[in-house]
N, C-alpha and C. Protein backbone atom coordinates (compact mmCIF):
# COMPACT_ATOMS: atom_id res chain seq x y z
N MET A 1 -7.11 -174.23 139.06
CA MET A 1 -5.98 -173.84 139.92
C MET A 1 -6.51 -172.94 141.03
N ASN A 2 -6.21 -173.35 142.30
CA ASN A 2 -6.70 -172.55 143.41
C ASN A 2 -5.74 -171.39 143.70
N LYS A 3 -6.17 -170.55 144.64
CA LYS A 3 -5.39 -169.35 144.94
C LYS A 3 -4.01 -169.68 145.49
N ARG A 4 -3.92 -170.78 146.23
CA ARG A 4 -2.64 -171.16 146.80
C ARG A 4 -1.66 -171.55 145.69
N GLN A 5 -2.16 -172.33 144.73
CA GLN A 5 -1.30 -172.74 143.62
C GLN A 5 -0.86 -171.54 142.78
N GLU A 6 -1.82 -170.61 142.57
CA GLU A 6 -1.49 -169.41 141.81
C GLU A 6 -0.39 -168.60 142.51
N ALA A 7 -0.51 -168.48 143.83
CA ALA A 7 0.48 -167.74 144.60
C ALA A 7 1.85 -168.40 144.51
N GLN A 8 1.83 -169.77 144.58
CA GLN A 8 3.09 -170.49 144.48
C GLN A 8 3.74 -170.31 143.10
N GLU A 9 2.90 -170.32 142.05
CA GLU A 9 3.41 -170.14 140.69
C GLU A 9 3.99 -168.75 140.50
N VAL A 10 3.29 -167.74 141.02
CA VAL A 10 3.79 -166.36 140.93
C VAL A 10 5.12 -166.23 141.67
N LEU A 11 5.20 -166.85 142.86
CA LEU A 11 6.42 -166.80 143.66
C LEU A 11 7.57 -167.50 142.94
N ALA A 12 7.27 -168.64 142.31
CA ALA A 12 8.30 -169.38 141.59
C ALA A 12 8.83 -168.57 140.41
N LYS A 13 7.93 -167.91 139.69
CA LYS A 13 8.36 -167.07 138.55
C LYS A 13 9.22 -165.90 139.02
N ALA A 14 8.81 -165.31 140.15
CA ALA A 14 9.57 -164.19 140.69
C ALA A 14 10.96 -164.63 141.12
N GLN A 15 11.04 -165.81 141.76
CA GLN A 15 12.34 -166.33 142.19
C GLN A 15 13.24 -166.65 140.99
N ALA A 16 12.62 -167.22 139.94
CA ALA A 16 13.38 -167.55 138.74
C ALA A 16 13.92 -166.28 138.08
N LYS A 17 13.08 -165.24 138.02
CA LYS A 17 13.49 -163.97 137.44
C LYS A 17 14.64 -163.35 138.23
N GLU A 18 14.53 -163.42 139.57
CA GLU A 18 15.57 -162.87 140.44
C GLU A 18 16.89 -163.62 140.24
N LYS A 19 16.78 -164.95 140.08
CA LYS A 19 17.98 -165.76 139.88
C LYS A 19 18.67 -165.39 138.56
N ARG A 20 17.83 -165.22 137.49
CA ARG A 20 18.39 -164.84 136.19
C ARG A 20 19.07 -163.47 136.28
N THR A 21 18.45 -162.55 137.02
CA THR A 21 19.02 -161.20 137.17
C THR A 21 20.36 -161.27 137.89
N LYS A 22 20.42 -162.09 138.96
CA LYS A 22 21.67 -162.24 139.70
C LYS A 22 22.77 -162.84 138.83
N LEU A 23 22.40 -163.88 138.05
CA LEU A 23 23.38 -164.52 137.17
C LEU A 23 23.89 -163.54 136.12
N LEU A 24 22.95 -162.76 135.56
CA LEU A 24 23.33 -161.77 134.56
C LEU A 24 24.26 -160.72 135.16
N THR A 25 23.94 -160.28 136.39
CA THR A 25 24.78 -159.27 137.07
C THR A 25 26.18 -159.82 137.32
N VAL A 26 26.25 -161.07 137.81
CA VAL A 26 27.54 -161.70 138.08
C VAL A 26 28.35 -161.82 136.78
N ALA A 27 27.68 -162.22 135.70
CA ALA A 27 28.36 -162.37 134.41
C ALA A 27 28.90 -161.03 133.92
N LEU A 28 28.09 -159.97 134.06
CA LEU A 28 28.52 -158.64 133.62
C LEU A 28 29.71 -158.15 134.44
N VAL A 29 29.66 -158.35 135.76
CA VAL A 29 30.77 -157.94 136.63
C VAL A 29 32.04 -158.71 136.28
N ALA A 30 31.88 -160.02 136.05
CA ALA A 30 33.04 -160.84 135.69
C ALA A 30 33.65 -160.39 134.37
N ALA A 31 32.78 -160.09 133.39
CA ALA A 31 33.26 -159.64 132.09
C ALA A 31 34.01 -158.30 132.21
N ALA A 32 33.45 -157.40 133.03
CA ALA A 32 34.09 -156.10 133.23
C ALA A 32 35.45 -156.27 133.90
N ALA A 33 35.50 -157.17 134.89
CA ALA A 33 36.76 -157.42 135.60
C ALA A 33 37.81 -157.98 134.64
N LEU A 34 37.39 -158.92 133.78
CA LEU A 34 38.32 -159.49 132.81
C LEU A 34 38.81 -158.43 131.83
N ALA A 35 37.91 -157.54 131.45
CA ALA A 35 38.28 -156.49 130.50
C ALA A 35 39.36 -155.59 131.08
N ILE A 36 39.37 -155.46 132.41
CA ILE A 36 40.38 -154.63 133.07
C ILE A 36 41.65 -155.44 133.34
N ILE A 37 41.47 -156.65 133.87
CA ILE A 37 42.61 -157.45 134.32
C ILE A 37 43.47 -157.94 133.17
N VAL A 38 42.84 -158.45 132.11
CA VAL A 38 43.61 -159.06 131.02
C VAL A 38 44.55 -158.06 130.36
N PRO A 39 44.06 -156.86 129.91
CA PRO A 39 45.02 -155.91 129.31
C PRO A 39 46.09 -155.47 130.28
N THR A 40 45.70 -155.28 131.56
CA THR A 40 46.69 -154.86 132.57
C THR A 40 47.76 -155.91 132.72
N THR A 41 47.33 -157.19 132.73
CA THR A 41 48.28 -158.28 132.86
C THR A 41 49.22 -158.32 131.67
N VAL A 42 48.67 -158.10 130.48
CA VAL A 42 49.49 -158.09 129.28
C VAL A 42 50.52 -156.96 129.35
N VAL A 43 50.06 -155.76 129.78
CA VAL A 43 50.96 -154.61 129.89
C VAL A 43 52.03 -154.88 130.92
N LEU A 44 51.63 -155.40 132.10
CA LEU A 44 52.60 -155.68 133.15
C LEU A 44 53.58 -156.75 132.70
N THR A 45 53.07 -157.76 132.01
CA THR A 45 53.94 -158.81 131.54
C THR A 45 54.95 -158.25 130.54
N GLY A 46 54.49 -157.38 129.64
CA GLY A 46 55.38 -156.76 128.66
C GLY A 46 56.44 -155.91 129.34
N ALA A 47 56.03 -155.11 130.32
CA ALA A 47 56.98 -154.27 131.06
C ALA A 47 57.97 -155.13 131.83
N ALA A 48 57.45 -156.20 132.44
CA ALA A 48 58.32 -157.09 133.21
C ALA A 48 59.33 -157.78 132.29
N GLN A 49 58.87 -158.17 131.11
CA GLN A 49 59.77 -158.82 130.15
C GLN A 49 60.86 -157.86 129.70
N GLU A 50 60.47 -156.61 129.43
CA GLU A 50 61.46 -155.62 129.00
C GLU A 50 62.48 -155.36 130.10
N LYS A 51 61.99 -155.24 131.34
CA LYS A 51 62.89 -155.02 132.48
C LYS A 51 63.84 -156.20 132.65
N SER A 52 63.30 -157.40 132.47
CA SER A 52 64.11 -158.60 132.59
C SER A 52 65.18 -158.65 131.49
N ALA A 53 64.79 -158.25 130.28
CA ALA A 53 65.74 -158.25 129.16
C ALA A 53 66.87 -157.25 129.40
N VAL A 54 66.53 -156.07 129.94
CA VAL A 54 67.54 -155.05 130.25
C VAL A 54 68.49 -155.57 131.33
N ALA A 55 67.91 -156.20 132.36
CA ALA A 55 68.73 -156.73 133.45
C ALA A 55 69.68 -157.81 132.94
N ALA A 56 69.17 -158.66 132.04
CA ALA A 56 70.01 -159.72 131.47
C ALA A 56 71.14 -159.13 130.64
N ALA A 57 70.82 -158.10 129.85
CA ALA A 57 71.84 -157.45 129.02
C ALA A 57 72.90 -156.79 129.89
N ALA A 58 72.46 -156.19 131.00
CA ALA A 58 73.39 -155.51 131.90
C ALA A 58 74.29 -156.50 132.64
N ALA A 59 73.77 -157.71 132.86
CA ALA A 59 74.55 -158.72 133.58
C ALA A 59 75.67 -159.30 132.72
N SER A 60 75.55 -159.15 131.41
CA SER A 60 76.55 -159.66 130.48
C SER A 60 77.42 -158.50 129.98
N PRO A 61 78.55 -158.82 129.36
CA PRO A 61 79.34 -157.75 128.74
C PRO A 61 78.50 -157.05 127.66
N ILE A 62 78.54 -155.73 127.64
CA ILE A 62 77.77 -154.96 126.67
C ILE A 62 78.67 -154.67 125.47
N GLU A 63 78.21 -155.09 124.31
CA GLU A 63 79.02 -154.93 123.10
C GLU A 63 79.37 -153.46 122.86
N GLY A 64 80.64 -153.21 122.63
CA GLY A 64 81.09 -151.86 122.30
C GLY A 64 81.58 -151.04 123.48
N VAL A 65 81.36 -151.50 124.71
CA VAL A 65 81.82 -150.75 125.88
C VAL A 65 83.34 -150.84 125.98
N LYS A 66 83.97 -149.68 126.15
CA LYS A 66 85.41 -149.63 126.34
C LYS A 66 85.72 -149.38 127.80
N ASP A 67 86.62 -150.20 128.35
CA ASP A 67 87.04 -150.06 129.75
C ASP A 67 88.37 -149.30 129.78
N TYR A 68 88.44 -148.34 130.68
CA TYR A 68 89.66 -147.55 130.83
C TYR A 68 90.17 -147.64 132.26
N LYS A 69 91.45 -147.81 132.40
CA LYS A 69 92.06 -147.82 133.73
C LYS A 69 92.27 -146.37 134.15
N VAL A 70 91.66 -145.97 135.25
CA VAL A 70 91.77 -144.60 135.75
C VAL A 70 92.88 -144.56 136.79
N ALA A 71 93.92 -143.80 136.48
CA ALA A 71 95.13 -143.82 137.32
C ALA A 71 94.98 -143.02 138.61
N SER A 72 94.25 -141.89 138.56
CA SER A 72 94.15 -141.06 139.76
C SER A 72 92.80 -140.37 139.79
N ALA A 73 92.47 -139.87 140.97
CA ALA A 73 91.18 -139.19 141.14
C ALA A 73 91.33 -138.04 142.13
N ASN A 74 92.33 -137.22 141.90
CA ASN A 74 92.60 -136.10 142.80
C ASN A 74 91.68 -134.93 142.52
N HIS A 75 91.41 -134.15 143.58
CA HIS A 75 90.65 -132.92 143.41
C HIS A 75 91.64 -131.79 143.10
N VAL A 76 91.45 -131.18 141.92
CA VAL A 76 92.39 -130.13 141.51
C VAL A 76 91.61 -128.92 141.00
N ASP A 77 92.15 -127.76 141.23
CA ASP A 77 91.50 -126.53 140.75
C ASP A 77 91.85 -126.23 139.30
N ALA A 78 92.99 -126.72 138.84
CA ALA A 78 93.41 -126.46 137.46
C ALA A 78 92.55 -127.26 136.48
N LYS A 79 92.41 -126.77 135.26
CA LYS A 79 91.65 -127.46 134.24
C LYS A 79 92.38 -128.73 133.83
N VAL A 80 91.65 -129.83 133.74
CA VAL A 80 92.23 -131.11 133.37
C VAL A 80 91.82 -131.45 131.94
N ALA A 81 92.78 -131.88 131.13
CA ALA A 81 92.50 -132.34 129.76
C ALA A 81 92.45 -133.87 129.80
N TYR A 82 91.38 -134.44 129.29
CA TYR A 82 91.20 -135.89 129.34
C TYR A 82 91.51 -136.52 127.99
N ALA A 83 91.98 -137.75 128.04
CA ALA A 83 92.33 -138.47 126.81
C ALA A 83 91.08 -138.86 126.02
N GLN A 84 89.98 -139.08 126.73
CA GLN A 84 88.74 -139.46 126.08
C GLN A 84 87.82 -138.23 125.98
N LYS A 85 86.83 -138.33 125.09
CA LYS A 85 85.83 -137.27 124.96
C LYS A 85 84.45 -137.91 125.07
N PRO A 86 83.71 -137.61 126.16
CA PRO A 86 84.11 -136.91 127.38
C PRO A 86 85.08 -137.75 128.22
N GLY A 87 85.64 -137.11 129.24
CA GLY A 87 86.53 -137.81 130.15
C GLY A 87 85.79 -138.88 130.92
N VAL A 88 86.47 -140.02 131.12
CA VAL A 88 85.83 -141.14 131.83
C VAL A 88 86.28 -141.22 133.29
N GLY A 89 87.16 -140.31 133.70
CA GLY A 89 87.66 -140.35 135.07
C GLY A 89 89.04 -139.72 135.12
N GLY A 90 89.56 -139.61 136.32
CA GLY A 90 90.85 -138.99 136.52
C GLY A 90 90.72 -137.81 137.47
N ASP A 91 91.74 -136.99 137.53
CA ASP A 91 91.69 -135.80 138.38
C ASP A 91 90.53 -134.91 137.91
N HIS A 92 89.92 -134.21 138.87
CA HIS A 92 88.72 -133.44 138.53
C HIS A 92 88.51 -132.31 139.53
N ASN A 93 87.59 -131.43 139.19
CA ASN A 93 87.29 -130.29 140.05
C ASN A 93 86.75 -130.77 141.41
N PRO A 94 87.06 -130.05 142.49
CA PRO A 94 86.57 -130.46 143.81
C PRO A 94 85.04 -130.43 143.94
N VAL A 95 84.36 -129.68 143.07
CA VAL A 95 82.90 -129.57 143.15
C VAL A 95 82.27 -130.36 142.00
N TRP A 96 81.32 -131.21 142.31
CA TRP A 96 80.65 -132.01 141.28
C TRP A 96 79.57 -131.19 140.57
N LEU A 97 79.17 -131.69 139.41
CA LEU A 97 78.08 -131.09 138.64
C LEU A 97 76.77 -131.71 139.09
N ASN A 98 75.77 -130.87 139.34
CA ASN A 98 74.45 -131.40 139.70
C ASN A 98 73.92 -132.27 138.57
N CYS A 99 73.43 -133.42 138.88
CA CYS A 99 72.89 -134.30 137.86
C CYS A 99 71.60 -133.71 137.30
N GLY A 100 71.30 -134.02 136.04
CA GLY A 100 70.11 -133.50 135.40
C GLY A 100 70.31 -133.34 133.91
N ILE A 101 69.40 -132.63 133.29
CA ILE A 101 69.40 -132.41 131.84
C ILE A 101 69.87 -130.98 131.55
N TYR A 102 70.88 -130.87 130.68
CA TYR A 102 71.44 -129.57 130.32
C TYR A 102 71.31 -129.35 128.81
N GLU A 103 70.96 -128.13 128.45
CA GLU A 103 70.81 -127.79 127.03
C GLU A 103 72.11 -127.29 126.42
N LYS A 104 73.08 -126.95 127.27
CA LYS A 104 74.37 -126.44 126.79
C LYS A 104 75.49 -127.32 127.33
N PRO A 105 76.68 -127.26 126.68
CA PRO A 105 77.82 -128.03 127.20
C PRO A 105 78.11 -127.68 128.66
N VAL A 106 78.51 -128.69 129.41
CA VAL A 106 78.75 -128.51 130.84
C VAL A 106 80.25 -128.53 131.13
N PRO A 107 80.67 -127.98 132.26
CA PRO A 107 82.10 -128.03 132.62
C PRO A 107 82.55 -129.47 132.88
N GLU A 108 83.41 -129.95 132.03
CA GLU A 108 83.79 -131.37 132.04
C GLU A 108 84.43 -131.80 133.35
N ASN A 109 85.30 -130.95 133.91
CA ASN A 109 85.99 -131.33 135.14
C ASN A 109 85.03 -131.54 136.30
N ASN A 110 83.91 -130.82 136.29
CA ASN A 110 82.88 -131.01 137.32
C ASN A 110 82.03 -132.25 137.04
N ALA A 111 81.76 -132.48 135.75
CA ALA A 111 80.97 -133.65 135.36
C ALA A 111 81.71 -134.95 135.69
N VAL A 112 83.03 -134.95 135.51
CA VAL A 112 83.81 -136.14 135.86
C VAL A 112 83.71 -136.44 137.35
N HIS A 113 83.63 -135.38 138.15
CA HIS A 113 83.43 -135.59 139.59
C HIS A 113 82.10 -136.30 139.84
N SER A 114 81.07 -135.96 139.06
CA SER A 114 79.77 -136.64 139.20
C SER A 114 79.89 -138.12 138.84
N LEU A 115 80.73 -138.42 137.84
CA LEU A 115 80.96 -139.82 137.49
C LEU A 115 81.56 -140.58 138.68
N GLU A 116 82.45 -139.90 139.40
CA GLU A 116 83.06 -140.52 140.58
C GLU A 116 82.00 -140.89 141.61
N HIS A 117 80.90 -140.15 141.63
CA HIS A 117 79.81 -140.42 142.57
C HIS A 117 78.82 -141.45 142.04
N GLY A 118 79.06 -141.93 140.82
CA GLY A 118 78.20 -143.00 140.29
C GLY A 118 77.24 -142.57 139.20
N ALA A 119 77.41 -141.36 138.66
CA ALA A 119 76.51 -140.89 137.60
C ALA A 119 76.87 -141.52 136.26
N VAL A 120 75.86 -141.62 135.40
CA VAL A 120 76.08 -141.95 133.99
C VAL A 120 75.81 -140.68 133.19
N TRP A 121 76.74 -140.33 132.33
CA TRP A 121 76.65 -139.11 131.54
C TRP A 121 76.35 -139.49 130.09
N ILE A 122 75.19 -139.07 129.61
CA ILE A 122 74.85 -139.24 128.20
C ILE A 122 75.14 -137.93 127.50
N SER A 123 76.06 -137.96 126.56
CA SER A 123 76.42 -136.76 125.80
C SER A 123 76.08 -136.99 124.33
N TYR A 124 75.80 -135.90 123.64
CA TYR A 124 75.38 -136.04 122.24
C TYR A 124 75.94 -134.93 121.39
N ASP A 125 75.99 -135.21 120.08
CA ASP A 125 76.49 -134.23 119.11
C ASP A 125 75.81 -134.50 117.77
N GLY A 126 74.96 -133.59 117.34
CA GLY A 126 74.32 -133.73 116.04
C GLY A 126 73.11 -134.64 116.01
N VAL A 127 72.37 -134.75 117.11
CA VAL A 127 71.15 -135.57 117.12
C VAL A 127 69.95 -134.73 116.67
N SER A 128 68.91 -135.40 116.21
CA SER A 128 67.68 -134.71 115.81
C SER A 128 66.86 -134.36 117.05
N ASP A 129 65.85 -133.54 116.84
CA ASP A 129 64.96 -133.19 117.96
C ASP A 129 64.28 -134.44 118.52
N ALA A 130 63.88 -135.35 117.63
CA ALA A 130 63.20 -136.58 118.08
C ALA A 130 64.15 -137.44 118.89
N GLU A 131 65.41 -137.54 118.46
CA GLU A 131 66.39 -138.34 119.20
C GLU A 131 66.68 -137.71 120.55
N LEU A 132 66.76 -136.38 120.58
CA LEU A 132 67.01 -135.71 121.86
C LEU A 132 65.84 -135.95 122.81
N ALA A 133 64.62 -135.94 122.29
CA ALA A 133 63.45 -136.21 123.13
C ALA A 133 63.53 -137.62 123.72
N THR A 134 63.99 -138.57 122.92
CA THR A 134 64.15 -139.95 123.40
C THR A 134 65.20 -140.02 124.50
N LEU A 135 66.32 -139.32 124.30
CA LEU A 135 67.37 -139.32 125.32
C LEU A 135 66.88 -138.69 126.62
N LYS A 136 66.07 -137.64 126.49
CA LYS A 136 65.52 -137.01 127.69
C LYS A 136 64.59 -137.97 128.43
N GLN A 137 63.87 -138.79 127.69
CA GLN A 137 63.02 -139.80 128.33
C GLN A 137 63.88 -140.85 129.04
N ASP A 138 65.02 -141.19 128.43
CA ASP A 138 65.92 -142.16 129.06
C ASP A 138 66.42 -141.66 130.41
N VAL A 139 66.66 -140.34 130.48
CA VAL A 139 67.13 -139.75 131.74
C VAL A 139 65.95 -139.57 132.69
N GLY A 140 64.88 -138.94 132.19
CA GLY A 140 63.66 -138.76 132.97
C GLY A 140 63.92 -138.20 134.36
N GLU A 141 63.32 -138.85 135.34
CA GLU A 141 63.46 -138.42 136.74
C GLU A 141 64.52 -139.24 137.48
N LYS A 142 65.30 -140.03 136.74
CA LYS A 142 66.31 -140.86 137.40
C LYS A 142 67.37 -139.99 138.09
N THR A 143 67.82 -140.45 139.21
CA THR A 143 68.94 -139.80 139.88
C THR A 143 70.25 -140.33 139.28
N TYR A 144 71.33 -139.61 139.53
CA TYR A 144 72.65 -140.00 139.04
C TYR A 144 72.68 -140.15 137.52
N MET A 145 72.08 -139.17 136.82
CA MET A 145 72.11 -139.13 135.36
C MET A 145 72.43 -137.72 134.90
N LEU A 146 73.25 -137.62 133.88
CA LEU A 146 73.57 -136.35 133.23
C LEU A 146 73.26 -136.47 131.75
N LEU A 147 72.71 -135.41 131.18
CA LEU A 147 72.49 -135.35 129.74
C LEU A 147 72.91 -133.97 129.27
N SER A 148 73.80 -133.93 128.27
CA SER A 148 74.25 -132.63 127.77
C SER A 148 74.86 -132.79 126.38
N PRO A 149 74.88 -131.70 125.61
CA PRO A 149 75.63 -131.74 124.35
C PRO A 149 77.13 -131.74 124.65
N TYR A 150 77.90 -132.35 123.74
CA TYR A 150 79.36 -132.34 123.84
C TYR A 150 79.89 -132.25 122.41
N PRO A 151 80.17 -131.03 121.95
CA PRO A 151 80.62 -130.84 120.56
C PRO A 151 81.91 -131.59 120.25
N ASP A 152 81.95 -132.14 119.04
CA ASP A 152 83.16 -132.81 118.54
C ASP A 152 83.62 -133.98 119.40
N GLN A 153 82.67 -134.71 119.95
CA GLN A 153 83.04 -135.85 120.78
C GLN A 153 83.40 -137.09 119.96
N GLY A 154 83.16 -137.03 118.65
CA GLY A 154 83.56 -138.15 117.80
C GLY A 154 82.51 -139.22 117.63
N ALA A 155 81.33 -139.03 118.17
CA ALA A 155 80.22 -139.97 118.00
C ALA A 155 78.92 -139.21 118.22
N LYS A 156 77.86 -139.76 117.66
CA LYS A 156 76.57 -139.09 117.78
C LYS A 156 76.10 -139.08 119.24
N ILE A 157 76.22 -140.22 119.90
CA ILE A 157 75.80 -140.35 121.30
C ILE A 157 76.86 -141.15 122.05
N LYS A 158 77.22 -140.68 123.22
CA LYS A 158 78.14 -141.44 124.07
C LYS A 158 77.55 -141.58 125.47
N LEU A 159 77.77 -142.74 126.05
CA LEU A 159 77.41 -142.99 127.44
C LEU A 159 78.70 -143.18 128.21
N THR A 160 78.84 -142.43 129.29
CA THR A 160 80.09 -142.46 130.05
C THR A 160 79.81 -142.68 131.53
N ALA A 161 80.51 -143.62 132.10
CA ALA A 161 80.53 -143.84 133.55
C ALA A 161 82.01 -143.85 133.94
N TRP A 162 82.29 -143.88 135.23
CA TRP A 162 83.68 -143.87 135.67
C TRP A 162 84.41 -145.08 135.07
N GLY A 163 85.37 -144.81 134.19
CA GLY A 163 86.18 -145.87 133.60
C GLY A 163 85.50 -146.65 132.48
N GLU A 164 84.30 -146.25 132.07
CA GLU A 164 83.55 -146.99 131.05
C GLU A 164 82.94 -146.03 130.04
N GLN A 165 82.94 -146.43 128.76
CA GLN A 165 82.34 -145.56 127.74
C GLN A 165 81.80 -146.39 126.58
N LEU A 166 80.66 -145.95 126.06
CA LEU A 166 80.00 -146.61 124.94
C LEU A 166 79.53 -145.57 123.94
N SER A 167 79.84 -145.79 122.66
CA SER A 167 79.35 -144.92 121.59
C SER A 167 78.24 -145.64 120.83
N VAL A 168 77.15 -144.93 120.55
CA VAL A 168 76.05 -145.49 119.76
C VAL A 168 75.61 -144.47 118.71
N ASP A 169 74.94 -144.98 117.68
CA ASP A 169 74.51 -144.12 116.58
C ASP A 169 73.04 -143.75 116.64
N SER A 170 72.30 -144.39 117.55
CA SER A 170 70.86 -144.15 117.60
C SER A 170 70.37 -144.03 119.04
N ALA A 171 69.42 -143.13 119.26
CA ALA A 171 68.84 -142.97 120.60
C ALA A 171 67.97 -144.17 120.97
N ASP A 172 67.63 -145.01 119.99
CA ASP A 172 66.82 -146.20 120.25
C ASP A 172 67.66 -147.45 120.50
N ASP A 173 68.96 -147.30 120.53
CA ASP A 173 69.84 -148.45 120.73
C ASP A 173 69.56 -149.08 122.10
N PRO A 174 69.23 -150.37 122.16
CA PRO A 174 68.91 -151.01 123.45
C PRO A 174 70.08 -151.06 124.42
N ARG A 175 71.29 -150.85 123.92
CA ARG A 175 72.45 -150.87 124.82
C ARG A 175 72.46 -149.67 125.76
N ILE A 176 71.71 -148.62 125.40
CA ILE A 176 71.65 -147.44 126.28
C ILE A 176 71.06 -147.83 127.63
N ALA A 177 69.90 -148.51 127.60
CA ALA A 177 69.25 -148.94 128.85
C ALA A 177 70.12 -149.92 129.62
N ALA A 178 70.79 -150.81 128.90
CA ALA A 178 71.65 -151.80 129.56
C ALA A 178 72.84 -151.11 130.23
N PHE A 179 73.44 -150.13 129.56
CA PHE A 179 74.57 -149.40 130.12
C PHE A 179 74.16 -148.67 131.40
N VAL A 180 73.02 -147.98 131.34
CA VAL A 180 72.54 -147.25 132.52
C VAL A 180 72.27 -148.21 133.67
N LYS A 181 71.64 -149.33 133.37
CA LYS A 181 71.33 -150.33 134.39
C LYS A 181 72.61 -150.86 135.05
N LYS A 182 73.63 -151.10 134.22
CA LYS A 182 74.85 -151.72 134.73
C LYS A 182 75.77 -150.77 135.47
N TYR A 183 75.87 -149.52 134.97
CA TYR A 183 76.92 -148.64 135.48
C TYR A 183 76.43 -147.48 136.34
N ARG A 184 75.17 -147.17 136.34
CA ARG A 184 74.68 -146.09 137.23
C ARG A 184 74.76 -146.60 138.67
N GLN A 185 75.60 -145.98 139.48
CA GLN A 185 75.90 -146.46 140.84
C GLN A 185 76.39 -147.91 140.80
N GLY A 186 77.09 -148.22 139.72
CA GLY A 186 77.58 -149.59 139.53
C GLY A 186 78.83 -149.90 140.33
N PRO A 187 79.33 -151.13 140.20
CA PRO A 187 80.49 -151.56 141.01
C PRO A 187 81.77 -150.80 140.69
N GLN A 188 81.83 -150.13 139.52
CA GLN A 188 83.03 -149.35 139.16
C GLN A 188 83.08 -148.00 139.85
N THR A 189 81.98 -147.62 140.53
CA THR A 189 81.86 -146.30 141.16
C THR A 189 82.82 -146.16 142.34
N PRO A 190 83.74 -145.18 142.31
CA PRO A 190 84.65 -145.01 143.44
C PRO A 190 83.95 -144.56 144.73
N GLU A 191 82.94 -143.69 144.58
CA GLU A 191 82.26 -143.15 145.77
C GLU A 191 80.74 -143.33 145.63
N PRO A 192 80.25 -144.57 145.65
CA PRO A 192 78.81 -144.79 145.50
C PRO A 192 78.01 -144.13 146.61
N GLY A 193 76.91 -143.51 146.24
CA GLY A 193 76.06 -142.86 147.24
C GLY A 193 76.43 -141.45 147.54
N ALA A 194 77.61 -140.99 147.09
CA ALA A 194 77.97 -139.58 147.28
C ALA A 194 77.00 -138.73 146.46
N PRO A 195 76.74 -137.49 146.87
CA PRO A 195 75.65 -136.72 146.27
C PRO A 195 75.85 -136.35 144.80
N CYS A 196 74.73 -136.19 144.12
CA CYS A 196 74.74 -135.70 142.75
C CYS A 196 73.88 -134.43 142.68
N THR A 197 73.63 -133.85 143.83
CA THR A 197 72.96 -132.56 143.96
C THR A 197 73.77 -131.74 144.95
N GLY A 198 73.49 -130.44 145.01
CA GLY A 198 74.19 -129.59 145.96
C GLY A 198 75.56 -129.16 145.50
N GLY A 199 75.88 -129.45 144.22
CA GLY A 199 77.15 -129.02 143.66
C GLY A 199 76.97 -127.74 142.86
N ILE A 200 77.34 -127.79 141.58
CA ILE A 200 77.12 -126.62 140.73
C ILE A 200 76.21 -127.01 139.56
N GLY A 201 75.53 -126.04 138.98
CA GLY A 201 74.72 -126.24 137.78
C GLY A 201 75.03 -125.12 136.81
N LEU A 202 74.26 -125.06 135.74
CA LEU A 202 74.45 -123.97 134.78
C LEU A 202 73.35 -122.93 134.95
């Protein structure tokens, strides 16, 4: 074998090695990309499916929701007694309650005003710490949401919107998400888009 052939053989081996290195690098990059994309896709698909299920539930009648005809919605300074606990609508205080999470019972006449603006009020009585943590997650950073205790309301958890109310026994009940989806700033809202901040708090 002459020097030219030796040089060609060395060059061929070097090129083959470089090709193998490139293929290995491409394979490793592809594997890493799949390791990231596949779980992300599964997570996104799961989240999308859950969102779709909630939307479908909200589009249909929600089992257990009671509809109430609200006769009036006047602003009054006097204390109003409501037929439901909590009140689902009617005459109410001129100042609304700031939406958010409250650790103590809130002034009902102000909270009803928030319902008029499209808020959903989750009230509870006798829940565990774990259940309360779940309810707080349900409210989270969402606007037009109220969460507060309501002693002697007649159910462990109630969801209230203007003219609508649902009682549930568990913070994990899937109807909670459906109710919020359907009625928060929903079509039953007398004054959609009116503020849920800038009123009063505790």
